[in-house]
N, C-alpha and C. Protein backbone atom coordinates (compact mmCIF):
# COMPACT_ATOMS: atom_id res chain seq x y z
N MET A 1 8.49 -75.84 -262.28
CA MET A 1 7.86 -77.29 -261.33
C MET A 1 8.54 -78.60 -261.80
N VAL A 2 8.64 -79.09 -260.83
CA VAL A 2 9.40 -80.08 -260.79
C VAL A 2 8.58 -81.40 -260.89
N HIS A 3 9.28 -82.79 -261.16
CA HIS A 3 8.18 -84.02 -261.21
C HIS A 3 9.25 -85.13 -261.06
N ILE A 4 9.18 -85.85 -260.12
CA ILE A 4 9.76 -87.46 -259.60
C ILE A 4 9.22 -88.59 -260.63
N ARG A 5 9.92 -88.94 -261.19
CA ARG A 5 9.38 -90.08 -261.72
C ARG A 5 10.89 -91.40 -261.62
N LEU A 6 10.11 -92.76 -261.60
CA LEU A 6 10.98 -94.00 -262.26
C LEU A 6 11.96 -93.64 -263.35
N ALA A 7 13.31 -94.02 -263.50
CA ALA A 7 13.99 -93.77 -264.59
C ALA A 7 15.16 -94.49 -264.41
N ASP A 8 15.59 -94.97 -265.85
CA ASP A 8 17.10 -95.68 -265.83
C ASP A 8 17.95 -95.65 -265.84
N PRO A 9 19.00 -95.12 -264.48
CA PRO A 9 20.04 -94.76 -264.50
C PRO A 9 21.14 -94.55 -265.56
N THR A 10 20.69 -95.68 -266.39
CA THR A 10 22.08 -96.17 -267.58
C THR A 10 21.62 -95.29 -268.61
N SER A 11 20.24 -94.71 -268.66
CA SER A 11 19.77 -93.97 -270.08
C SER A 11 20.98 -92.86 -270.39
N ASP A 12 21.09 -92.21 -271.45
CA ASP A 12 21.58 -91.50 -271.56
C ASP A 12 21.19 -89.76 -270.62
N GLY A 13 20.16 -89.20 -270.55
CA GLY A 13 20.04 -88.27 -270.16
C GLY A 13 20.06 -88.16 -268.26
N VAL A 14 20.08 -89.41 -267.96
CA VAL A 14 20.09 -89.67 -266.88
C VAL A 14 21.52 -89.98 -266.02
N ARG A 15 22.40 -91.18 -267.18
CA ARG A 15 23.66 -91.36 -266.76
C ARG A 15 24.64 -90.41 -265.89
N GLN A 16 24.63 -88.99 -267.14
CA GLN A 16 25.47 -87.90 -266.91
C GLN A 16 25.17 -87.36 -265.21
N LEU A 17 23.75 -87.77 -264.51
CA LEU A 17 23.48 -86.91 -263.65
C LEU A 17 24.14 -87.97 -262.42
N VAL A 18 24.10 -89.13 -262.62
CA VAL A 18 24.35 -90.36 -261.77
C VAL A 18 26.05 -90.26 -262.17
N GLN A 19 26.81 -90.12 -262.63
CA GLN A 19 28.55 -89.72 -263.09
C GLN A 19 28.60 -88.31 -262.16
N ALA A 20 27.96 -87.22 -262.08
CA ALA A 20 28.41 -86.34 -261.18
C ALA A 20 28.10 -86.50 -260.07
N HIS A 21 27.16 -87.46 -259.57
CA HIS A 21 26.90 -87.86 -258.11
C HIS A 21 28.01 -88.81 -257.86
N PHE A 22 28.58 -89.89 -258.67
CA PHE A 22 29.65 -90.62 -258.25
C PHE A 22 30.79 -89.75 -258.42
N ALA A 23 30.75 -88.87 -259.15
CA ALA A 23 32.14 -87.84 -259.08
C ALA A 23 32.39 -87.11 -257.89
N HIS A 24 31.43 -86.49 -257.16
CA HIS A 24 31.36 -85.84 -255.84
C HIS A 24 31.88 -86.80 -254.82
N SER A 25 31.28 -87.81 -254.80
CA SER A 25 31.70 -88.93 -253.94
C SER A 25 32.81 -89.18 -253.60
N GLU A 26 33.56 -89.33 -254.77
CA GLU A 26 34.66 -90.13 -255.16
C GLU A 26 35.90 -88.76 -254.02
N THR A 27 35.53 -87.58 -254.18
CA THR A 27 36.13 -86.83 -253.90
C THR A 27 35.90 -86.34 -252.58
N ALA A 28 34.80 -86.79 -251.75
CA ALA A 28 34.60 -86.28 -250.49
C ALA A 28 34.80 -87.33 -249.30
N GLY A 29 36.00 -88.54 -249.53
CA GLY A 29 36.19 -88.65 -248.52
C GLY A 29 36.87 -90.04 -248.93
N PRO A 30 37.89 -90.71 -248.35
CA PRO A 30 38.35 -92.04 -248.48
C PRO A 30 37.81 -92.98 -249.43
N ALA A 31 38.71 -93.62 -250.09
CA ALA A 31 38.12 -94.20 -251.20
C ALA A 31 37.29 -95.50 -250.57
N GLU A 32 38.40 -96.37 -249.66
CA GLU A 32 37.19 -97.16 -248.83
C GLU A 32 36.39 -97.21 -248.43
N SER A 33 35.90 -96.28 -247.80
CA SER A 33 34.74 -95.78 -247.16
C SER A 33 33.13 -95.28 -248.38
N ASN A 34 33.92 -95.58 -249.56
CA ASN A 34 33.07 -95.17 -250.53
C ASN A 34 32.24 -96.16 -250.85
N HIS A 35 30.64 -95.88 -250.84
CA HIS A 35 29.69 -96.73 -251.27
C HIS A 35 28.99 -96.50 -252.32
N THR A 36 29.20 -95.29 -252.91
CA THR A 36 28.71 -94.88 -254.06
C THR A 36 28.51 -96.01 -255.21
N MET A 37 27.17 -96.07 -255.41
CA MET A 37 26.75 -97.03 -256.80
C MET A 37 26.94 -96.21 -258.28
N ASP A 38 27.28 -97.13 -259.09
CA ASP A 38 27.58 -96.20 -260.48
C ASP A 38 25.95 -96.62 -260.94
N ALA A 39 26.26 -96.07 -262.31
CA ALA A 39 24.52 -96.10 -263.20
C ALA A 39 24.84 -97.80 -263.09
N GLN A 40 25.34 -98.57 -263.33
CA GLN A 40 24.96 -99.69 -263.93
C GLN A 40 24.78 -100.82 -262.19
N GLY A 41 25.49 -100.36 -261.19
CA GLY A 41 24.49 -100.61 -260.35
C GLY A 41 23.65 -100.56 -259.51
N LEU A 42 22.68 -98.78 -259.78
CA LEU A 42 21.94 -98.54 -259.36
C LEU A 42 20.65 -99.77 -260.29
N ALA A 43 21.28 -99.31 -261.29
CA ALA A 43 20.05 -100.29 -262.41
C ALA A 43 19.83 -101.56 -262.26
N GLY A 44 20.77 -102.48 -260.89
CA GLY A 44 20.49 -103.57 -260.74
C GLY A 44 19.30 -104.34 -259.94
N PRO A 45 19.26 -105.60 -259.74
CA PRO A 45 18.35 -106.29 -258.85
C PRO A 45 18.23 -105.35 -257.70
N ASP A 46 17.10 -105.81 -257.18
CA ASP A 46 16.72 -104.94 -255.61
C ASP A 46 16.53 -103.38 -255.39
N MET A 47 16.81 -102.94 -256.89
CA MET A 47 17.05 -101.29 -256.86
C MET A 47 15.95 -100.90 -258.04
N ARG A 48 15.57 -99.75 -256.90
CA ARG A 48 14.65 -99.14 -258.02
C ARG A 48 14.99 -97.20 -258.11
N PHE A 49 15.20 -96.79 -258.77
CA PHE A 49 15.85 -95.12 -258.98
C PHE A 49 14.57 -94.05 -259.63
N TRP A 50 14.68 -92.96 -259.06
CA TRP A 50 13.97 -91.96 -259.58
C TRP A 50 14.80 -90.92 -260.00
N ALA A 51 14.25 -90.00 -261.09
CA ALA A 51 15.00 -88.92 -261.16
C ALA A 51 14.08 -87.70 -260.94
N VAL A 52 14.70 -86.61 -260.45
CA VAL A 52 13.60 -85.36 -260.54
C VAL A 52 14.03 -84.69 -261.78
N TYR A 53 13.06 -84.28 -262.13
CA TYR A 53 13.12 -83.37 -263.62
C TYR A 53 12.46 -82.33 -263.92
N ASN A 54 13.03 -81.04 -264.17
CA ASN A 54 12.62 -79.69 -264.26
C ASN A 54 12.17 -79.41 -265.92
N ASP A 55 12.18 -78.24 -266.42
CA ASP A 55 11.74 -78.29 -267.78
C ASP A 55 13.10 -78.40 -268.35
N SER A 56 14.47 -78.25 -267.98
CA SER A 56 15.72 -78.65 -268.62
C SER A 56 15.84 -80.23 -268.46
N GLY A 57 15.50 -80.85 -267.56
CA GLY A 57 15.86 -82.13 -267.82
C GLY A 57 16.32 -82.55 -266.58
N PRO A 58 16.83 -83.76 -266.39
CA PRO A 58 16.98 -84.32 -264.99
C PRO A 58 18.16 -83.63 -264.18
N VAL A 59 17.34 -83.14 -262.85
CA VAL A 59 18.37 -82.14 -261.98
C VAL A 59 18.65 -82.91 -260.37
N GLY A 60 18.36 -84.27 -260.38
CA GLY A 60 18.39 -84.96 -259.13
C GLY A 60 17.90 -86.20 -259.22
N CYS A 61 18.05 -86.99 -258.31
CA CYS A 61 17.81 -88.43 -258.38
C CYS A 61 18.02 -89.21 -257.02
N GLY A 62 17.14 -90.16 -256.67
CA GLY A 62 17.73 -90.91 -255.55
C GLY A 62 16.98 -92.37 -255.69
N ALA A 63 17.30 -93.04 -254.94
CA ALA A 63 17.01 -94.80 -255.30
C ALA A 63 17.09 -95.01 -253.56
N LEU A 64 16.18 -96.09 -254.08
CA LEU A 64 15.99 -97.58 -252.55
C LEU A 64 16.25 -99.13 -253.06
N LYS A 65 17.18 -99.53 -252.61
CA LYS A 65 17.37 -100.79 -252.52
C LYS A 65 16.74 -101.52 -251.53
N THR A 66 16.03 -102.43 -251.68
CA THR A 66 14.96 -103.32 -251.05
C THR A 66 16.20 -104.41 -250.32
N LEU A 67 16.15 -104.62 -248.79
CA LEU A 67 17.16 -105.73 -248.20
C LEU A 67 16.07 -106.42 -247.66
N PRO A 68 16.84 -107.84 -247.46
CA PRO A 68 16.23 -108.62 -246.84
C PRO A 68 15.60 -108.66 -245.43
N ASP A 69 16.26 -107.81 -244.48
CA ASP A 69 15.34 -107.60 -243.56
C ASP A 69 14.43 -106.89 -242.98
N GLY A 70 13.32 -106.20 -244.40
CA GLY A 70 12.42 -105.60 -244.49
C GLY A 70 12.41 -104.17 -244.35
N THR A 71 13.86 -103.77 -244.27
CA THR A 71 13.77 -102.35 -244.49
C THR A 71 14.39 -102.03 -246.14
N ALA A 72 14.33 -100.71 -246.34
CA ALA A 72 15.01 -100.44 -247.71
C ALA A 72 16.16 -99.14 -247.41
N GLU A 73 17.13 -99.18 -248.08
CA GLU A 73 18.59 -98.59 -248.10
C GLU A 73 18.17 -97.24 -249.27
N VAL A 74 18.45 -96.29 -248.68
CA VAL A 74 18.15 -95.18 -249.44
C VAL A 74 19.49 -94.63 -249.99
N LYS A 75 19.86 -94.50 -251.44
CA LYS A 75 21.01 -94.43 -252.14
C LYS A 75 21.24 -93.17 -252.98
N SER A 76 22.19 -92.76 -253.40
CA SER A 76 22.68 -91.90 -254.49
C SER A 76 21.33 -90.94 -254.43
N VAL A 77 21.07 -90.42 -253.40
CA VAL A 77 20.61 -88.91 -253.28
C VAL A 77 21.42 -87.95 -253.72
N HIS A 78 21.17 -87.07 -254.92
CA HIS A 78 22.01 -86.13 -255.48
C HIS A 78 20.71 -85.16 -256.00
N VAL A 79 21.39 -83.84 -256.21
CA VAL A 79 20.81 -82.54 -256.78
C VAL A 79 21.99 -81.95 -257.51
N LEU A 80 21.90 -81.50 -258.70
CA LEU A 80 22.80 -80.85 -259.23
C LEU A 80 23.37 -79.61 -258.62
N SER A 81 25.06 -79.50 -258.48
CA SER A 81 24.86 -78.08 -257.86
C SER A 81 24.18 -76.87 -258.11
N SER A 82 23.69 -76.80 -259.30
CA SER A 82 22.75 -75.56 -259.73
C SER A 82 21.55 -75.46 -259.28
N GLU A 83 21.04 -76.31 -258.80
CA GLU A 83 19.69 -76.81 -258.36
C GLU A 83 19.41 -76.67 -257.00
N ARG A 84 20.29 -76.58 -256.11
CA ARG A 84 20.49 -76.91 -254.56
C ARG A 84 19.98 -75.53 -254.34
N GLY A 85 19.52 -75.58 -252.79
CA GLY A 85 19.09 -74.88 -252.05
C GLY A 85 17.47 -74.46 -252.65
N LYS A 86 17.25 -75.37 -253.31
CA LYS A 86 15.58 -75.23 -253.68
C LYS A 86 14.78 -76.40 -253.15
N GLY A 87 15.63 -77.08 -252.13
CA GLY A 87 14.54 -77.95 -251.14
C GLY A 87 14.39 -79.53 -252.30
N LEU A 88 14.90 -79.19 -253.09
CA LEU A 88 14.91 -80.92 -253.92
C LEU A 88 15.20 -82.15 -253.19
N ALA A 89 16.20 -81.96 -252.40
CA ALA A 89 17.02 -83.14 -251.79
C ALA A 89 15.73 -83.62 -250.69
N ARG A 90 14.71 -82.83 -250.02
CA ARG A 90 14.19 -83.09 -249.13
C ARG A 90 13.09 -83.54 -250.07
N GLU A 91 12.29 -82.95 -251.17
CA GLU A 91 11.47 -83.42 -251.62
C GLU A 91 11.58 -84.91 -252.32
N ILE A 92 12.94 -85.35 -252.45
CA ILE A 92 13.07 -86.57 -252.97
C ILE A 92 13.34 -87.48 -251.92
N MET A 93 13.79 -87.20 -250.75
CA MET A 93 13.58 -88.04 -249.47
C MET A 93 12.28 -88.50 -248.74
N ASN A 94 11.26 -87.45 -249.29
CA ASN A 94 9.83 -87.45 -248.50
C ASN A 94 9.29 -88.61 -249.59
N HIS A 95 9.71 -88.23 -250.75
CA HIS A 95 9.09 -89.37 -251.82
C HIS A 95 9.19 -90.68 -251.75
N LEU A 96 10.68 -90.69 -251.35
CA LEU A 96 10.78 -92.17 -251.25
C LEU A 96 10.36 -92.96 -250.05
N ALA A 97 10.33 -91.97 -248.92
CA ALA A 97 9.79 -92.52 -247.38
C ALA A 97 8.18 -92.63 -247.89
N ASN A 98 7.49 -91.85 -248.71
CA ASN A 98 6.01 -92.14 -248.73
C ASN A 98 5.77 -93.40 -249.21
N LEU A 99 6.64 -93.49 -250.72
CA LEU A 99 6.88 -95.13 -251.28
C LEU A 99 6.85 -96.01 -250.64
N ALA A 100 8.09 -96.13 -249.72
CA ALA A 100 8.32 -97.13 -248.74
C ALA A 100 7.34 -97.58 -247.95
N ARG A 101 6.48 -96.43 -247.19
CA ARG A 101 5.39 -96.41 -246.10
C ARG A 101 4.38 -97.34 -246.85
N ALA A 102 3.89 -96.32 -248.10
CA ALA A 102 2.95 -97.12 -248.53
C ALA A 102 3.09 -98.89 -249.21
N GLU A 103 4.04 -99.42 -249.02
CA GLU A 103 4.66 -100.71 -249.61
C GLU A 103 5.05 -101.27 -248.28
N GLY A 104 4.87 -100.76 -246.85
CA GLY A 104 4.78 -101.71 -245.89
C GLY A 104 6.36 -101.70 -245.44
N VAL A 105 7.05 -101.04 -246.16
CA VAL A 105 8.84 -101.17 -245.25
C VAL A 105 9.07 -100.63 -244.20
N SER A 106 9.22 -101.54 -243.25
CA SER A 106 9.39 -101.07 -241.60
C SER A 106 10.24 -99.54 -241.45
N ALA A 107 11.54 -99.48 -242.10
CA ALA A 107 12.27 -98.43 -241.70
C ALA A 107 12.72 -98.59 -243.43
N LEU A 108 13.56 -97.10 -243.20
CA LEU A 108 14.60 -96.75 -244.29
C LEU A 108 15.92 -96.15 -243.66
N VAL A 109 16.79 -96.81 -244.21
CA VAL A 109 17.95 -96.52 -243.31
C VAL A 109 19.11 -96.26 -244.77
N LEU A 110 20.13 -95.69 -244.08
CA LEU A 110 21.02 -94.93 -245.26
C LEU A 110 22.44 -94.80 -244.38
N GLU A 111 23.87 -94.90 -245.46
CA GLU A 111 25.20 -94.82 -244.99
C GLU A 111 25.42 -93.52 -245.85
N THR A 112 25.84 -92.54 -244.79
CA THR A 112 26.57 -91.54 -245.23
C THR A 112 28.01 -90.89 -244.67
N GLY A 113 28.66 -90.20 -245.12
CA GLY A 113 30.05 -89.49 -244.44
C GLY A 113 30.16 -89.03 -243.04
N ALA A 114 30.64 -89.59 -241.90
CA ALA A 114 30.87 -89.30 -241.09
C ALA A 114 30.73 -87.65 -240.52
N ALA A 115 30.99 -87.01 -239.38
CA ALA A 115 30.75 -85.89 -239.17
C ALA A 115 32.09 -85.08 -239.46
N HIS A 116 33.48 -85.85 -239.60
CA HIS A 116 34.69 -85.10 -239.87
C HIS A 116 34.79 -84.71 -241.25
N LEU A 117 33.93 -85.36 -241.93
CA LEU A 117 34.06 -85.28 -243.44
C LEU A 117 32.86 -84.55 -244.01
N GLY A 118 33.48 -83.14 -243.71
CA GLY A 118 32.54 -81.86 -243.75
C GLY A 118 31.82 -81.85 -245.44
N GLU A 119 31.96 -82.86 -246.35
CA GLU A 119 31.12 -82.80 -247.68
C GLU A 119 29.92 -83.31 -247.21
N TYR A 120 29.33 -83.77 -245.98
CA TYR A 120 28.32 -84.40 -245.75
C TYR A 120 27.29 -83.75 -244.56
N ASP A 121 27.67 -82.92 -244.24
CA ASP A 121 27.47 -81.82 -243.14
C ASP A 121 25.81 -81.59 -243.64
N ALA A 122 25.53 -80.87 -244.71
CA ALA A 122 23.85 -80.80 -245.27
C ALA A 122 23.41 -81.95 -244.84
N ALA A 123 23.93 -83.12 -245.75
CA ALA A 123 23.09 -84.32 -246.27
C ALA A 123 22.44 -84.86 -244.73
N ARG A 124 23.65 -84.78 -243.94
CA ARG A 124 23.23 -85.12 -242.07
C ARG A 124 22.21 -84.40 -241.78
N LYS A 125 22.39 -83.43 -242.00
CA LYS A 125 21.47 -81.91 -241.32
C LYS A 125 20.28 -82.51 -241.81
N LEU A 126 20.00 -82.65 -243.46
CA LEU A 126 18.94 -82.86 -243.74
C LEU A 126 18.12 -84.39 -243.02
N TYR A 127 19.05 -84.71 -243.45
CA TYR A 127 18.29 -86.24 -242.52
C TYR A 127 17.76 -86.11 -240.98
N GLU A 128 18.43 -85.48 -240.28
CA GLU A 128 18.00 -85.29 -238.84
C GLU A 128 16.79 -84.81 -238.95
N ALA A 129 16.26 -83.42 -239.86
CA ALA A 129 15.38 -82.82 -239.85
C ALA A 129 14.13 -83.62 -240.39
N LEU A 130 14.32 -84.48 -240.75
CA LEU A 130 13.27 -85.41 -241.49
C LEU A 130 12.82 -86.88 -240.55
N GLY A 131 13.74 -86.55 -239.37
CA GLY A 131 13.51 -87.60 -238.42
C GLY A 131 14.65 -89.02 -238.37
N TYR A 132 15.59 -88.54 -238.73
CA TYR A 132 16.46 -89.94 -239.06
C TYR A 132 16.94 -90.20 -237.76
N ALA A 133 17.26 -91.31 -237.35
CA ALA A 133 18.45 -91.43 -235.87
C ALA A 133 19.61 -91.93 -236.60
N TYR A 134 20.35 -91.50 -235.82
CA TYR A 134 21.72 -92.33 -235.79
C TYR A 134 21.81 -93.72 -235.58
N CYS A 135 22.76 -94.83 -235.83
CA CYS A 135 22.25 -96.22 -235.50
C CYS A 135 23.74 -96.84 -235.97
N GLY A 136 23.55 -98.39 -235.75
CA GLY A 136 24.82 -98.82 -235.69
C GLY A 136 24.54 -99.31 -237.00
N PRO A 137 25.64 -99.92 -237.76
CA PRO A 137 26.01 -100.32 -239.26
C PRO A 137 24.97 -100.99 -239.58
N ILE A 138 24.32 -100.64 -240.84
CA ILE A 138 22.74 -101.19 -241.40
C ILE A 138 22.72 -102.61 -242.37
N TYR A 139 22.48 -103.15 -242.63
CA TYR A 139 22.28 -104.54 -243.42
C TYR A 139 23.66 -104.21 -244.39
N GLY A 140 24.50 -105.18 -244.52
CA GLY A 140 25.68 -105.03 -245.68
C GLY A 140 26.33 -104.37 -245.46
N TYR A 141 26.45 -103.51 -244.18
CA TYR A 141 27.88 -103.02 -243.88
C TYR A 141 28.45 -103.00 -242.12
N GLU A 142 29.65 -102.72 -242.66
CA GLU A 142 30.72 -102.93 -241.25
C GLU A 142 31.12 -101.65 -240.83
N ALA A 143 30.99 -101.56 -239.38
CA ALA A 143 31.66 -100.28 -238.62
C ALA A 143 32.73 -99.76 -239.26
N ASP A 144 32.46 -98.16 -240.10
CA ASP A 144 33.56 -97.77 -240.20
C ASP A 144 33.54 -96.09 -239.65
N PRO A 145 34.84 -95.96 -239.19
CA PRO A 145 35.19 -94.44 -238.80
C PRO A 145 35.04 -93.11 -239.89
N ASN A 146 34.53 -93.51 -240.84
CA ASN A 146 34.41 -92.63 -242.10
C ASN A 146 32.60 -92.30 -242.05
N SER A 147 31.61 -93.53 -241.42
CA SER A 147 30.59 -93.46 -242.22
C SER A 147 29.70 -93.18 -240.79
N ALA A 148 28.84 -92.52 -241.23
CA ALA A 148 27.18 -92.26 -240.46
C ALA A 148 26.20 -93.46 -240.63
N PHE A 149 25.69 -93.92 -240.14
CA PHE A 149 24.58 -95.03 -240.40
C PHE A 149 23.17 -94.31 -239.85
N MET A 150 21.89 -94.18 -240.40
CA MET A 150 20.67 -93.68 -239.85
C MET A 150 19.89 -94.33 -240.19
N ARG A 151 18.55 -93.82 -239.41
CA ARG A 151 17.12 -94.76 -239.66
C ARG A 151 16.16 -94.29 -239.26
N LEU A 152 15.15 -94.16 -240.48
CA LEU A 152 14.19 -93.83 -240.01
C LEU A 152 12.84 -94.71 -239.84
N ASP A 153 11.89 -94.98 -238.57
CA ASP A 153 11.29 -96.15 -238.48
C ASP A 153 10.11 -95.41 -239.32
N LEU A 154 9.38 -96.18 -239.57
CA LEU A 154 7.93 -96.05 -240.92
C LEU A 154 6.81 -96.92 -240.27
N ASN A 155 7.14 -97.39 -239.30
CA ASN A 155 6.03 -97.92 -238.48
C ASN A 155 5.05 -96.91 -237.75
N PRO A 156 3.69 -96.81 -237.84
CA PRO A 156 3.12 -95.69 -236.79
C PRO A 156 3.05 -96.27 -235.75
N LYS A 157 3.44 -95.21 -234.75
CA LYS A 157 3.25 -95.21 -233.62
C LYS A 157 1.66 -95.98 -232.91
N ALA A 158 1.85 -96.27 -231.84
CA ALA A 158 0.68 -97.26 -231.58
C ALA A 158 0.37 -95.73 -230.58
């Protein structure tokens, strides 16, 4: 059984998970297009960070960054390679969406690697399955051929 709870990304046990995510992102695309935050960044203002724990410790994570336009950016969703294929990334994404929806956030937005960066194929496929739609650059970003931007509207349909 897994548990998702707020965590400090700079704490000893969780920092290793964040570093694994950061290391993966550094090799997945060009440096100028890498928007991955380190542990200090994930502990910064307007950030909330959750870790997924199983019996052996933290195995996944995800964060939300509050944006001034009423949306929240999904950041640093990562599952250790040894734990992939168990639906944990989907659990993290659903957890983040449920929290944001309950808090009245209008939409979740994210930046991920573009289609020609094969490292992000599984992530984009998951986001698409969860109802995210491709959109233009999100708050704080500029157009980048190595980035794909996505949005999930959280407002109930009338």
